[in-house]
Each structure stands twice: as structure tokens, then as C-alpha cells.
């Protein structure tokens, strides 16, 4: 069972948007394995569509996630980075095309 603080932290994470796509990282399929312990310490995996994502974009997303977790009373302890599989990447690209900010 998830306690109230963890629900607030998860809700904050779910609102973090991609810097160039008007969609949340969660809706883009870029977050996996979000684990929040009872003290609010949060671990998650950021899933990238391509290995060549610029470091500044990756760092922006990690920093945005950290700010969201802290603003909800938690602490972002660890962010692992992984790559999407082909099906996830196709879904990501379709959502990117629909919601690109430019």
C-alpha cells in the first residue's frame, strides 16, 4: 500500500514534462521502476529513446524529476538510465510527433 506522501511524490513525478515535447515523461514511456520508500526516498529509471540524447537534455530531465520529488517532500536518491526497446521507441516517436513544441 502506498502512503499519502508517496502518492504526492508519484503525482509530482507524473507531471514532469519533456523539455521539447508537450507531454509528461511518464506518458512518453520514459520512466520505469519508480520506487518510493516510506521515507520518500525515490529511485527510478529514465528510459531514453536513443543513446545519443545530449547530456544537457538528459540532465534537464533528471533535474526536473529531482525538483518535483523534493517539492513533494521526498528525495531523488538514484536515477538509472536505460534505452527503449523498438516497440517503446515507436510509441515515443508517435507521441513526439503529435506533441512537439519545437
PDB file of N, CA and C in Angstrom:
ATOM      1  N   UNK A   1       0.840  -1.196   0.000  1.00  0.00           N
ATOM      2  CA  UNK A   1       0.000   0.000   0.000  1.00  0.00           C
ATOM      3  C   UNK A   1       0.881   1.253   0.000  1.00  0.00           C
ATOM      4  N   UNK A   2       0.531   2.203  -0.815  1.00  0.00           N
ATOM      5  CA  UNK A   2       1.278   3.446  -0.920  1.00  0.00           C
ATOM      6  C   UNK A   2       0.687   4.456   0.050  1.00  0.00           C
ATOM      7  N   UNK A   3       1.557   5.073   0.867  1.00  0.00           N
ATOM      8  CA  UNK A   3       1.016   6.050   1.812  1.00  0.00           C
ATOM      9  C   UNK A   3       0.779   7.393   1.117  1.00  0.00           C
ATOM     10  N   UNK A   4       0.153   8.312   1.846  1.00  0.00           N
ATOM     11  CA  UNK A   4      -0.271   9.589   1.256  1.00  0.00           C
ATOM     12  C   UNK A   4       0.904  10.397   0.720  1.00  0.00           C
ATOM     13  N   UNK A   5       2.033  10.442   1.466  1.00  0.00           N
ATOM     14  CA  UNK A   5       3.192  11.208   0.995  1.00  0.00           C
ATOM     15  C   UNK A   5       3.717  10.619  -0.306  1.00  0.00           C
ATOM     16  N   UNK A   6       3.775   9.297  -0.383  1.00  0.00           N
ATOM     17  CA  UNK A   6       4.284   8.675  -1.597  1.00  0.00           C
ATOM     18  C   UNK A   6       3.364   8.923  -2.781  1.00  0.00           C
ATOM     19  N   UNK A   7       2.064   8.998  -2.537  1.00  0.00           N
ATOM     20  CA  UNK A   7       1.122   9.336  -3.605  1.00  0.00           C
ATOM     21  C   UNK A   7       1.386  10.751  -4.116  1.00  0.00           C
ATOM     22  N   UNK A   8       1.704  11.667  -3.207  1.00  0.00           N
ATOM     23  CA  UNK A   8       2.013  13.050  -3.593  1.00  0.00           C
ATOM     24  C   UNK A   8       3.291  13.087  -4.424  1.00  0.00           C
ATOM     25  N   UNK A   9       4.296  12.329  -4.011  1.00  0.00           N
ATOM     26  CA  UNK A   9       5.562  12.266  -4.752  1.00  0.00           C
ATOM     27  C   UNK A   9       5.326  11.679  -6.147  1.00  0.00           C
ATOM     28  N   UNK A  10       4.590  10.584  -6.220  1.00  0.00           N
ATOM     29  CA  UNK A  10       4.318   9.962  -7.513  1.00  0.00           C
ATOM     30  C   UNK A  10       3.527  10.911  -8.419  1.00  0.00           C
ATOM     31  N   UNK A  11       2.562  11.615  -7.870  1.00  0.00           N
ATOM     32  CA  UNK A  11       1.783  12.580  -8.658  1.00  0.00           C
ATOM     33  C   UNK A  11       2.688  13.686  -9.209  1.00  0.00           C
ATOM     34  N   UNK A  12       3.656  14.130  -8.399  1.00  0.00           N
ATOM     35  CA  UNK A  12       4.594  15.169  -8.850  1.00  0.00           C
ATOM     36  C   UNK A  12       5.470  14.642  -9.985  1.00  0.00           C
ATOM     37  N   UNK A  13       5.942  13.413  -9.867  1.00  0.00           N
ATOM     38  CA  UNK A  13       6.764  12.794 -10.913  1.00  0.00           C
ATOM     39  C   UNK A  13       5.965  12.688 -12.214  1.00  0.00           C
ATOM     40  N   UNK A  14       4.710  12.293 -12.093  1.00  0.00           N
ATOM     41  CA  UNK A  14       3.867  12.109 -13.278  1.00  0.00           C
ATOM     42  C   UNK A  14       3.603  13.400 -14.029  1.00  0.00           C
ATOM     43  N   UNK A  15       3.826  14.551 -13.419  1.00  0.00           N
ATOM     44  CA  UNK A  15       3.579  15.844 -14.069  1.00  0.00           C
ATOM     45  C   UNK A  15       4.806  16.403 -14.787  1.00  0.00           C
ATOM     46  N   UNK A  16       5.969  15.809 -14.581  1.00  0.00           N
ATOM     47  CA  UNK A  16       7.197  16.339 -15.192  1.00  0.00           C
ATOM     48  C   UNK A  16       7.140  16.130 -16.702  1.00  0.00           C
ATOM     49  N   UNK A  17       7.262  17.245 -17.439  1.00  0.00           N
ATOM     50  CA  UNK A  17       7.186  17.189 -18.898  1.00  0.00           C
ATOM     51  C   UNK A  17       8.565  17.156 -19.538  1.00  0.00           C
ATOM     52  N   UNK A  18       8.602  16.601 -20.732  1.00  0.00           N
ATOM     53  CA  UNK A  18       9.804  16.602 -21.564  1.00  0.00           C
ATOM     54  C   UNK A  18      10.077  18.053 -21.967  1.00  0.00           C
ATOM     55  N   UNK A  19      11.339  18.471 -22.048  1.00  0.00           N
ATOM     56  CA  UNK A  19      11.624  19.876 -22.375  1.00  0.00           C
ATOM     57  C   UNK A  19      11.202  20.311 -23.785  1.00  0.00           C
ATOM     58  N   UNK A  20      11.102  19.376 -24.722  1.00  0.00           N
ATOM     59  CA  UNK A  20      10.756  19.752 -26.098  1.00  0.00           C
ATOM     60  C   UNK A  20       9.452  19.147 -26.592  1.00  0.00           C
ATOM     61  N   UNK A  21       8.816  18.319 -25.751  1.00  0.00           N
ATOM     62  CA  UNK A  21       7.582  17.649 -26.145  1.00  0.00           C
ATOM     63  C   UNK A  21       6.528  17.965 -25.082  1.00  0.00           C
ATOM     64  N   UNK A  22       5.396  18.446 -25.488  1.00  0.00           N
ATOM     65  CA  UNK A  22       4.352  18.860 -24.544  1.00  0.00           C
ATOM     66  C   UNK A  22       3.611  17.646 -23.988  1.00  0.00           C
ATOM     67  N   UNK A  23       4.354  16.765 -23.356  1.00  0.00           N
ATOM     68  CA  UNK A  23       3.820  15.540 -22.776  1.00  0.00           C
ATOM     69  C   UNK A  23       4.711  15.154 -21.596  1.00  0.00           C
ATOM     70  N   UNK A  24       4.132  14.516 -20.596  1.00  0.00           N
ATOM     71  CA  UNK A  24       4.931  14.118 -19.438  1.00  0.00           C
ATOM     72  C   UNK A  24       5.874  12.975 -19.792  1.00  0.00           C
ATOM     73  N   UNK A  25       6.958  12.893 -19.038  1.00  0.00           N
ATOM     74  CA  UNK A  25       7.905  11.802 -19.232  1.00  0.00           C
ATOM     75  C   UNK A  25       7.217  10.458 -19.020  1.00  0.00           C
ATOM     76  N   UNK A  26       6.301  10.412 -18.056  1.00  0.00           N
ATOM     77  CA  UNK A  26       5.570   9.173 -17.782  1.00  0.00           C
ATOM     78  C   UNK A  26       4.742   8.764 -18.993  1.00  0.00           C
ATOM     79  N   UNK A  27       3.994   9.717 -19.578  1.00  0.00           N
ATOM     80  CA  UNK A  27       3.155   9.409 -20.738  1.00  0.00           C
ATOM     81  C   UNK A  27       3.979   9.042 -21.970  1.00  0.00           C
ATOM     82  N   UNK A  28       5.202   9.541 -22.037  1.00  0.00           N
ATOM     83  CA  UNK A  28       6.091   9.213 -23.154  1.00  0.00           C
ATOM     84  C   UNK A  28       6.751   7.843 -22.973  1.00  0.00           C
ATOM     85  N   UNK A  29       6.530   7.219 -21.840  1.00  0.00           N
ATOM     86  CA  UNK A  29       7.147   5.921 -21.575  1.00  0.00           C
ATOM     87  C   UNK A  29       8.601   6.023 -21.170  1.00  0.00           C
ATOM     88  N   UNK A  30       8.998   7.189 -20.660  1.00  0.00           N
ATOM     89  CA  UNK A  30      10.399   7.417 -20.320  1.00  0.00           C
ATOM     90  C   UNK A  30      10.735   7.118 -18.861  1.00  0.00           C
ATOM     91  N   UNK A  31       9.757   6.690 -18.076  1.00  0.00           N
ATOM     92  CA  UNK A  31      10.017   6.368 -16.673  1.00  0.00           C
ATOM     93  C   UNK A  31       9.616   4.925 -16.399  1.00  0.00           C
ATOM     94  N   UNK A  32      10.480   4.240 -15.688  1.00  0.00           N
ATOM     95  CA  UNK A  32      10.243   2.849 -15.293  1.00  0.00           C
ATOM     96  C   UNK A  32      10.693   2.676 -13.857  1.00  0.00           C
ATOM     97  N   UNK A  33      10.175   1.653 -13.243  1.00  0.00           N
ATOM     98  CA  UNK A  33      10.675   1.222 -11.934  1.00  0.00           C
ATOM     99  C   UNK A  33      10.765   2.374 -10.931  1.00  0.00           C
ATOM    100  N   UNK A  34       9.692   3.129 -10.808  1.00  0.00           N
ATOM    101  CA  UNK A  34       9.647   4.200  -9.819  1.00  0.00           C
ATOM    102  C   UNK A  34       9.370   3.552  -8.465  1.00  0.00           C
ATOM    103  N   UNK A  35      10.352   3.637  -7.569  1.00  0.00           N
ATOM    104  CA  UNK A  35      10.238   3.036  -6.237  1.00  0.00           C
ATOM    105  C   UNK A  35      10.417   4.141  -5.204  1.00  0.00           C
ATOM    106  N   UNK A  36       9.420   4.289  -4.345  1.00  0.00           N
ATOM    107  CA  UNK A  36       9.435   5.311  -3.298  1.00  0.00           C
ATOM    108  C   UNK A  36       9.327   4.590  -1.966  1.00  0.00           C
ATOM    109  N   UNK A  37      10.337   4.755  -1.110  1.00  0.00           N
ATOM    110  CA  UNK A  37      10.269   4.082   0.190  1.00  0.00           C
ATOM    111  C   UNK A  37       9.455   4.929   1.168  1.00  0.00           C
ATOM    112  N   UNK A  38       9.141   4.409   2.357  1.00  0.00           N
ATOM    113  CA  UNK A  38       8.290   5.145   3.303  1.00  0.00           C
ATOM    114  C   UNK A  38       8.854   6.504   3.727  1.00  0.00           C
ATOM    115  N   UNK A  39      10.165   6.693   3.609  1.00  0.00           N
ATOM    116  CA  UNK A  39      10.772   7.990   3.960  1.00  0.00           C
ATOM    117  C   UNK A  39      10.767   8.969   2.790  1.00  0.00           C
ATOM    118  N   UNK A  40      10.210   8.560   1.659  1.00  0.00           N
ATOM    119  CA  UNK A  40      10.149   9.443   0.493  1.00  0.00           C
ATOM    120  C   UNK A  40      11.367   9.371  -0.402  1.00  0.00           C
ATOM    121  N   UNK A  41      12.313   8.481  -0.075  1.00  0.00           N
ATOM    122  CA  UNK A  41      13.482   8.326  -0.930  1.00  0.00           C
ATOM    123  C   UNK A  41      13.047   7.607  -2.205  1.00  0.00           C
ATOM    124  N   UNK A  42      13.394   8.209  -3.322  1.00  0.00           N
ATOM    125  CA  UNK A  42      12.886   7.760  -4.615  1.00  0.00           C
ATOM    126  C   UNK A  42      14.010   7.303  -5.527  1.00  0.00           C
ATOM    127  N   UNK A  43      13.801   6.158  -6.146  1.00  0.00           N
ATOM    128  CA  UNK A  43      14.697   5.619  -7.166  1.00  0.00           C
ATOM    129  C   UNK A  43      13.851   5.364  -8.404  1.00  0.00           C
ATOM    130  N   UNK A  44      14.422   5.644  -9.580  1.00  0.00           N
ATOM    131  CA  UNK A  44      13.685   5.393 -10.809  1.00  0.00           C
ATOM    132  C   UNK A  44      14.644   5.177 -11.957  1.00  0.00           C
ATOM    133  N   UNK A  45      14.088   4.729 -13.062  1.00  0.00           N
ATOM    134  CA  UNK A  45      14.863   4.549 -14.283  1.00  0.00           C
ATOM    135  C   UNK A  45      14.312   5.488 -15.346  1.00  0.00           C
ATOM    136  N   UNK A  46      15.208   6.297 -15.915  1.00  0.00           N
ATOM    137  CA  UNK A  46      14.883   7.174 -17.037  1.00  0.00           C
ATOM    138  C   UNK A  46      15.217   6.395 -18.309  1.00  0.00           C
ATOM    139  N   UNK A  47      14.206   6.194 -19.153  1.00  0.00           N
ATOM    140  CA  UNK A  47      14.375   5.378 -20.353  1.00  0.00           C
ATOM    141  C   UNK A  47      14.448   6.296 -21.570  1.00  0.00           C
ATOM    142  N   UNK A  48      15.579   6.255 -22.255  1.00  0.00           N
ATOM    143  CA  UNK A  48      15.800   7.140 -23.394  1.00  0.00           C
ATOM    144  C   UNK A  48      15.507   6.421 -24.709  1.00  0.00           C
ATOM    145  N   UNK A  49      15.006   7.158 -25.708  1.00  0.00           N
ATOM    146  CA  UNK A  49      14.712   6.524 -26.995  1.00  0.00           C
ATOM    147  C   UNK A  49      15.978   6.213 -27.801  1.00  0.00           C
ATOM    148  N   UNK A  50      17.028   7.002 -27.588  1.00  0.00           N
ATOM    149  CA  UNK A  50      18.276   6.845 -28.335  1.00  0.00           C
ATOM    150  C   UNK A  50      19.460   7.076 -27.399  1.00  0.00           C
ATOM    151  N   UNK A  51      20.580   6.406 -27.644  1.00  0.00           N
ATOM    152  CA  UNK A  51      21.752   6.628 -26.782  1.00  0.00           C
ATOM    153  C   UNK A  51      22.383   8.004 -26.995  1.00  0.00           C
ATOM    154  N   UNK A  52      22.070   8.665 -28.111  1.00  0.00           N
ATOM    155  CA  UNK A  52      22.710   9.937 -28.448  1.00  0.00           C
ATOM    156  C   UNK A  52      21.984  11.165 -27.899  1.00  0.00           C
ATOM    157  N   UNK A  53      21.055  10.983 -26.944  1.00  0.00           N
ATOM    158  CA  UNK A  53      20.370  12.136 -26.348  1.00  0.00           C
ATOM    159  C   UNK A  53      21.446  13.028 -25.714  1.00  0.00           C
ATOM    160  N   UNK A  54      21.467  14.326 -26.035  1.00  0.00           N
ATOM    161  CA  UNK A  54      22.501  15.212 -25.476  1.00  0.00           C
ATOM    162  C   UNK A  54      22.476  15.220 -23.943  1.00  0.00           C
ATOM    163  N   UNK A  55      23.648  15.297 -23.362  1.00  0.00           N
ATOM    164  CA  UNK A  55      23.781  15.308 -21.904  1.00  0.00           C
ATOM    165  C   UNK A  55      22.977  16.409 -21.245  1.00  0.00           C
ATOM    166  N   UNK A  56      22.928  17.592 -21.874  1.00  0.00           N
ATOM    167  CA  UNK A  56      22.181  18.688 -21.250  1.00  0.00           C
ATOM    168  C   UNK A  56      20.679  18.408 -21.207  1.00  0.00           C
ATOM    169  N   UNK A  57      20.155  17.690 -22.189  1.00  0.00           N
ATOM    170  CA  UNK A  57      18.729  17.334 -22.194  1.00  0.00           C
ATOM    171  C   UNK A  57      18.466  16.270 -21.127  1.00  0.00           C
ATOM    172  N   UNK A  58      19.329  15.266 -21.080  1.00  0.00           N
ATOM    173  CA  UNK A  58      19.204  14.217 -20.057  1.00  0.00           C
ATOM    174  C   UNK A  58      19.288  14.833 -18.659  1.00  0.00           C
ATOM    175  N   UNK A  59      20.268  15.706 -18.451  1.00  0.00           N
ATOM    176  CA  UNK A  59      20.434  16.359 -17.143  1.00  0.00           C
ATOM    177  C   UNK A  59      19.232  17.224 -16.786  1.00  0.00           C
ATOM    178  N   UNK A  60      18.657  17.907 -17.776  1.00  0.00           N
ATOM    179  CA  UNK A  60      17.466  18.729 -17.534  1.00  0.00           C
ATOM    180  C   UNK A  60      16.317  17.856 -17.025  1.00  0.00           C
ATOM    181  N   UNK A  61      16.128  16.698 -17.654  1.00  0.00           N
ATOM    182  CA  UNK A  61      15.047  15.806 -17.234  1.00  0.00           C
ATOM    183  C   UNK A  61      15.295  15.277 -15.822  1.00  0.00           C
ATOM    184  N   UNK A  62      16.525  14.874 -15.527  1.00  0.00           N
ATOM    185  CA  UNK A  62      16.854  14.375 -14.185  1.00  0.00           C
ATOM    186  C   UNK A  62      16.652  15.482 -13.157  1.00  0.00           C
ATOM    187  N   UNK A  63      17.114  16.684 -13.462  1.00  0.00           N
ATOM    188  CA  UNK A  63      16.947  17.805 -12.529  1.00  0.00           C
ATOM    189  C   UNK A  63      15.471  18.138 -12.324  1.00  0.00           C
ATOM    190  N   UNK A  64      14.680  18.089 -13.385  1.00  0.00           N
ATOM    191  CA  UNK A  64      13.241  18.353 -13.267  1.00  0.00           C
ATOM    192  C   UNK A  64      12.569  17.308 -12.392  1.00  0.00           C
ATOM    193  N   UNK A  65      12.967  16.057 -12.541  1.00  0.00           N
ATOM    194  CA  UNK A  65      12.427  14.989 -11.693  1.00  0.00           C
ATOM    195  C   UNK A  65      12.820  15.210 -10.237  1.00  0.00           C
ATOM    196  N   UNK A  66      14.067  15.609 -10.013  1.00  0.00           N
ATOM    197  CA  UNK A  66      14.537  15.864  -8.651  1.00  0.00           C
ATOM    198  C   UNK A  66      13.754  16.997  -8.001  1.00  0.00           C
ATOM    199  N   UNK A  67      13.554  18.090  -8.730  1.00  0.00           N
ATOM    200  CA  UNK A  67      12.787  19.226  -8.210  1.00  0.00           C
ATOM    201  C   UNK A  67      11.363  18.789  -7.865  1.00  0.00           C
ATOM    202  N   UNK A  68      10.762  17.981  -8.727  1.00  0.00           N
ATOM    203  CA  UNK A  68       9.392  17.512  -8.475  1.00  0.00           C
ATOM    204  C   UNK A  68       9.326  16.673  -7.202  1.00  0.00           C
ATOM    205  N   UNK A  69      10.279  15.751  -7.043  1.00  0.00           N
ATOM    206  CA  UNK A  69      10.294  14.880  -5.862  1.00  0.00           C
ATOM    207  C   UNK A  69      10.511  15.698  -4.600  1.00  0.00           C
ATOM    208  N   UNK A  70      11.465  16.617  -4.622  1.00  0.00           N
ATOM    209  CA  UNK A  70      11.757  17.453  -3.449  1.00  0.00           C
ATOM    210  C   UNK A  70      10.565  18.342  -3.116  1.00  0.00           C
ATOM    211  N   UNK A  71       9.920  18.902  -4.135  1.00  0.00           N
ATOM    212  CA  UNK A  71       8.766  19.779  -3.883  1.00  0.00           C
ATOM    213  C   UNK A  71       7.612  19.018  -3.245  1.00  0.00           C
ATOM    214  N   UNK A  72       7.598  17.702  -3.426  1.00  0.00           N
ATOM    215  CA  UNK A  72       6.544  16.870  -2.842  1.00  0.00           C
ATOM    216  C   UNK A  72       6.973  16.264  -1.502  1.00  0.00           C
ATOM    217  N   UNK A  73       8.145  16.673  -1.008  1.00  0.00           N
ATOM    218  CA  UNK A  73       8.586  16.217   0.304  1.00  0.00           C
ATOM    219  C   UNK A  73       9.473  14.992   0.294  1.00  0.00           C
ATOM    220  N   UNK A  74       9.976  14.618  -0.875  1.00  0.00           N
ATOM    221  CA  UNK A  74      10.836  13.445  -0.966  1.00  0.00           C
ATOM    222  C   UNK A  74      12.256  13.791  -1.349  1.00  0.00           C
ATOM    223  N   UNK A  75      13.000  12.773  -1.722  1.00  0.00           N
ATOM    224  CA  UNK A  75      14.390  12.939  -2.141  1.00  0.00           C
ATOM    225  C   UNK A  75      14.651  11.966  -3.284  1.00  0.00           C
ATOM    226  N   UNK A  76      15.164  12.481  -4.410  1.00  0.00           N
ATOM    227  CA  UNK A  76      15.525  11.620  -5.524  1.00  0.00           C
ATOM    228  C   UNK A  76      16.922  11.089  -5.251  1.00  0.00           C
ATOM    229  N   UNK A  77      17.010   9.805  -4.916  1.00  0.00           N
ATOM    230  CA  UNK A  77      18.267   9.191  -4.487  1.00  0.00           C
ATOM    231  C   UNK A  77      19.066   8.675  -5.672  1.00  0.00           C
ATOM    232  N   UNK A  78      18.378   8.050  -6.633  1.00  0.00           N
ATOM    233  CA  UNK A  78      19.110   7.427  -7.737  1.00  0.00           C
ATOM    234  C   UNK A  78      18.260   7.426  -9.000  1.00  0.00           C
ATOM    235  N   UNK A  79      18.928   7.736 -10.128  1.00  0.00           N
ATOM    236  CA  UNK A  79      18.293   7.644 -11.439  1.00  0.00           C
ATOM    237  C   UNK A  79      19.180   6.767 -12.311  1.00  0.00           C
ATOM    238  N   UNK A  80      18.669   5.597 -12.660  1.00  0.00           N
ATOM    239  CA  UNK A  80      19.349   4.748 -13.629  1.00  0.00           C
ATOM    240  C   UNK A  80      18.895   5.186 -15.010  1.00  0.00           C
ATOM    241  N   UNK A  81      19.732   4.944 -16.007  1.00  0.00           N
ATOM    242  CA  UNK A  81      19.387   5.292 -17.383  1.00  0.00           C
ATOM    243  C   UNK A  81      19.391   4.012 -18.208  1.00  0.00           C
ATOM    244  N   UNK A  82      18.343   3.841 -19.018  1.00  0.00           N
ATOM    245  CA  UNK A  82      18.220   2.677 -19.887  1.00  0.00           C
ATOM    246  C   UNK A  82      17.748   3.143 -21.264  1.00  0.00           C
ATOM    247  N   UNK A  83      17.757   2.241 -22.210  1.00  0.00           N
ATOM    248  CA  UNK A  83      17.285   2.547 -23.561  1.00  0.00           C
ATOM    249  C   UNK A  83      15.970   1.828 -23.838  1.00  0.00           C
ATOM    250  N   UNK A  84      15.118   2.498 -24.605  1.00  0.00           N
ATOM    251  CA  UNK A  84      13.834   1.911 -25.004  1.00  0.00           C
ATOM    252  C   UNK A  84      14.072   0.763 -25.969  1.00  0.00           C
ATOM    253  N   UNK A  85      13.145  -0.197 -25.956  1.00  0.00           N
ATOM    254  CA  UNK A  85      13.169  -1.225 -26.988  1.00  0.00           C
ATOM    255  C   UNK A  85      12.453  -0.669 -28.222  1.00  0.00           C
ATOM    256  N   UNK A  86      12.393  -1.448 -29.290  1.00  0.00           N
ATOM    257  CA  UNK A  86      11.831  -0.950 -30.552  1.00  0.00           C
ATOM    258  C   UNK A  86      10.361  -0.546 -30.430  1.00  0.00           C
ATOM    259  N   UNK A  87       9.566  -1.323 -29.700  1.00  0.00           N
ATOM    260  CA  UNK A  87       8.142  -1.009 -29.538  1.00  0.00           C
ATOM    261  C   UNK A  87       7.974   0.278 -28.738  1.00  0.00           C
ATOM    262  N   UNK A  88       8.704   0.411 -27.645  1.00  0.00           N
ATOM    263  CA  UNK A  88       8.640   1.633 -26.827  1.00  0.00           C
ATOM    264  C   UNK A  88       9.074   2.845 -27.644  1.00  0.00           C
ATOM    265  N   UNK A  89      10.132   2.684 -28.456  1.00  0.00           N
ATOM    266  CA  UNK A  89      10.648   3.789 -29.262  1.00  0.00           C
ATOM    267  C   UNK A  89       9.613   4.240 -30.295  1.00  0.00           C
ATOM    268  N   UNK A  90       8.915   3.305 -30.935  1.00  0.00           N
ATOM    269  CA  UNK A  90       7.896   3.668 -31.919  1.00  0.00           C
ATOM    270  C   UNK A  90       6.751   4.435 -31.263  1.00  0.00           C
ATOM    271  N   UNK A  91       6.338   3.994 -30.082  1.00  0.00           N
ATOM    272  CA  UNK A  91       5.287   4.691 -29.333  1.00  0.00           C
ATOM    273  C   UNK A  91       5.755   6.096 -28.962  1.00  0.00           C
ATOM    274  N   UNK A  92       6.999   6.208 -28.493  1.00  0.00           N
ATOM    275  CA  UNK A  92       7.579   7.510 -28.139  1.00  0.00           C
ATOM    276  C   UNK A  92       7.578   8.439 -29.357  1.00  0.00           C
ATOM    277  N   UNK A  93       8.046   7.939 -30.500  1.00  0.00           N
ATOM    278  CA  UNK A  93       8.149   8.778 -31.697  1.00  0.00           C
ATOM    279  C   UNK A  93       6.780   9.255 -32.180  1.00  0.00           C
ATOM    280  N   UNK A  94       5.772   8.420 -32.054  1.00  0.00           N
ATOM    281  CA  UNK A  94       4.413   8.834 -32.440  1.00  0.00           C
ATOM    282  C   UNK A  94       3.924   9.958 -31.532  1.00  0.00           C
ATOM    283  N   UNK A  95       4.151   9.824 -30.219  1.00  0.00           N
ATOM    284  CA  UNK A  95       3.729  10.877 -29.275  1.00  0.00           C
ATOM    285  C   UNK A  95       4.560  12.136 -29.473  1.00  0.00           C
ATOM    286  N   UNK A  96       5.842  11.973 -29.777  1.00  0.00           N
ATOM    287  CA  UNK A  96       6.700  13.124 -30.034  1.00  0.00           C
ATOM    288  C   UNK A  96       6.172  13.928 -31.216  1.00  0.00           C
ATOM    289  N   UNK A  97       5.824  13.236 -32.282  1.00  0.00           N
ATOM    290  CA  UNK A  97       5.336  13.914 -33.487  1.00  0.00           C
ATOM    291  C   UNK A  97       4.047  14.680 -33.202  1.00  0.00           C
ATOM    292  N   UNK A  98       3.161  14.115 -32.407  1.00  0.00           N
ATOM    293  CA  UNK A  98       1.882  14.747 -32.092  1.00  0.00           C
ATOM    294  C   UNK A  98       2.034  15.967 -31.171  1.00  0.00           C
ATOM    295  N   UNK A  99       3.060  15.963 -30.334  1.00  0.00           N
ATOM    296  CA  UNK A  99       3.147  16.962 -29.261  1.00  0.00           C
ATOM    297  C   UNK A  99       4.421  17.812 -29.284  1.00  0.00           C
ATOM    298  N   UNK A 100       5.127  17.821 -30.401  1.00  0.00           N
ATOM    299  CA  UNK A 100       6.401  18.547 -30.482  1.00  0.00           C
ATOM    300  C   UNK A 100       6.193  20.043 -30.278  1.00  0.00           C
ATOM    301  N   UNK A 101       6.985  20.625 -29.378  1.00  0.00           N
ATOM    302  CA  UNK A 101       6.926  22.075 -29.141  1.00  0.00           C
ATOM    303  C   UNK A 101       7.810  22.845 -30.096  1.00  0.00           C
ATOM    304  N   UNK A 102       8.934  22.228 -30.451  1.00  0.00           N
ATOM    305  CA  UNK A 102       9.861  22.849 -31.374  1.00  0.00           C
ATOM    306  C   UNK A 102      10.754  23.845 -30.801  1.00  0.00           C
TER     307      UNK A 102
END
